[in-house]
Every structure is written in C-alpha cells, then in structure tokens.
Protein backbone atom coordinates (compact mmCIF):
# COMPACT_ATOMS: atom_id res chain seq x y z
CA UNK A 1 0.00 0.00 0.00
CA UNK A 2 1.49 3.31 -1.06
CA UNK A 3 1.51 6.27 1.32
CA UNK A 4 -1.11 8.00 -0.85
CA UNK A 5 -3.42 4.99 -0.71
CA UNK A 6 -2.93 4.71 3.04
CA UNK A 7 -3.79 8.39 3.54
CA UNK A 8 -6.94 8.02 1.44
CA UNK A 9 -7.93 4.86 3.34
CA UNK A 10 -7.47 6.55 6.71
CA UNK A 11 -9.45 9.57 5.55
CA UNK A 12 -12.38 7.36 4.46
CA UNK A 13 -12.21 5.44 7.75
CA UNK A 14 -12.32 8.65 9.80
CA UNK A 15 -15.30 9.91 7.78
CA UNK A 16 -17.12 6.61 8.31
CA UNK A 17 -16.35 6.67 12.03
CA UNK A 18 -17.78 10.19 12.34
CA UNK A 19 -20.92 9.15 10.44
CA UNK A 20 -21.44 6.19 12.79
CA UNK A 21 -20.81 8.38 15.83
CA UNK A 22 -23.29 11.03 14.71
CA UNK A 23 -25.91 8.39 13.91
CA UNK A 24 -25.55 6.89 17.38
CA UNK A 25 -25.77 10.30 19.05
CA UNK A 26 -28.88 11.06 17.01
CA UNK A 27 -30.51 7.81 18.13
CA UNK A 28 -29.66 8.49 21.77
CA UNK A 29 -31.22 11.95 21.54
CA UNK A 30 -34.29 10.55 19.80
CA UNK A 31 -34.80 7.85 22.43
CA UNK A 32 -34.27 10.39 25.20
CA UNK A 33 -37.00 12.67 23.86
CA UNK A 34 -39.37 9.76 23.27
CA UNK A 35 -38.81 8.60 26.86
CA UNK A 36 -39.35 12.09 28.25
CA UNK A 37 -42.57 12.47 26.26
CA UNK A 38 -43.87 9.16 27.62
CA UNK A 39 -42.95 10.05 31.22
CA UNK A 40 -44.47 13.52 31.02
CA UNK A 41 -47.68 12.20 29.44
CA UNK A 42 -48.13 9.84 32.29
C-alpha cells in the first residue's frame, strides 16, 4: 500500500467513524425525547 493509498484509506475510515458516531448520538437523543414524552404524558 502506497503512502497516498494509506492516507486516502485513513481519511475514508475517519469519515465513516464520524458518520457512525453522529448516527448513534442522534438515536440516543431521539430515544431520550421519546422517553421524556412518555414520562411527562403519564
């Protein structure tokens, strides 16, 4: 693997990791608000 290929691979991996992280954070926030709505509704 050439240094250029390695740099491109690492860049794609970082982008994918950020996408996964943001998706998980979004789901946590969504579940939090759903739970709060259910608790407040009684």
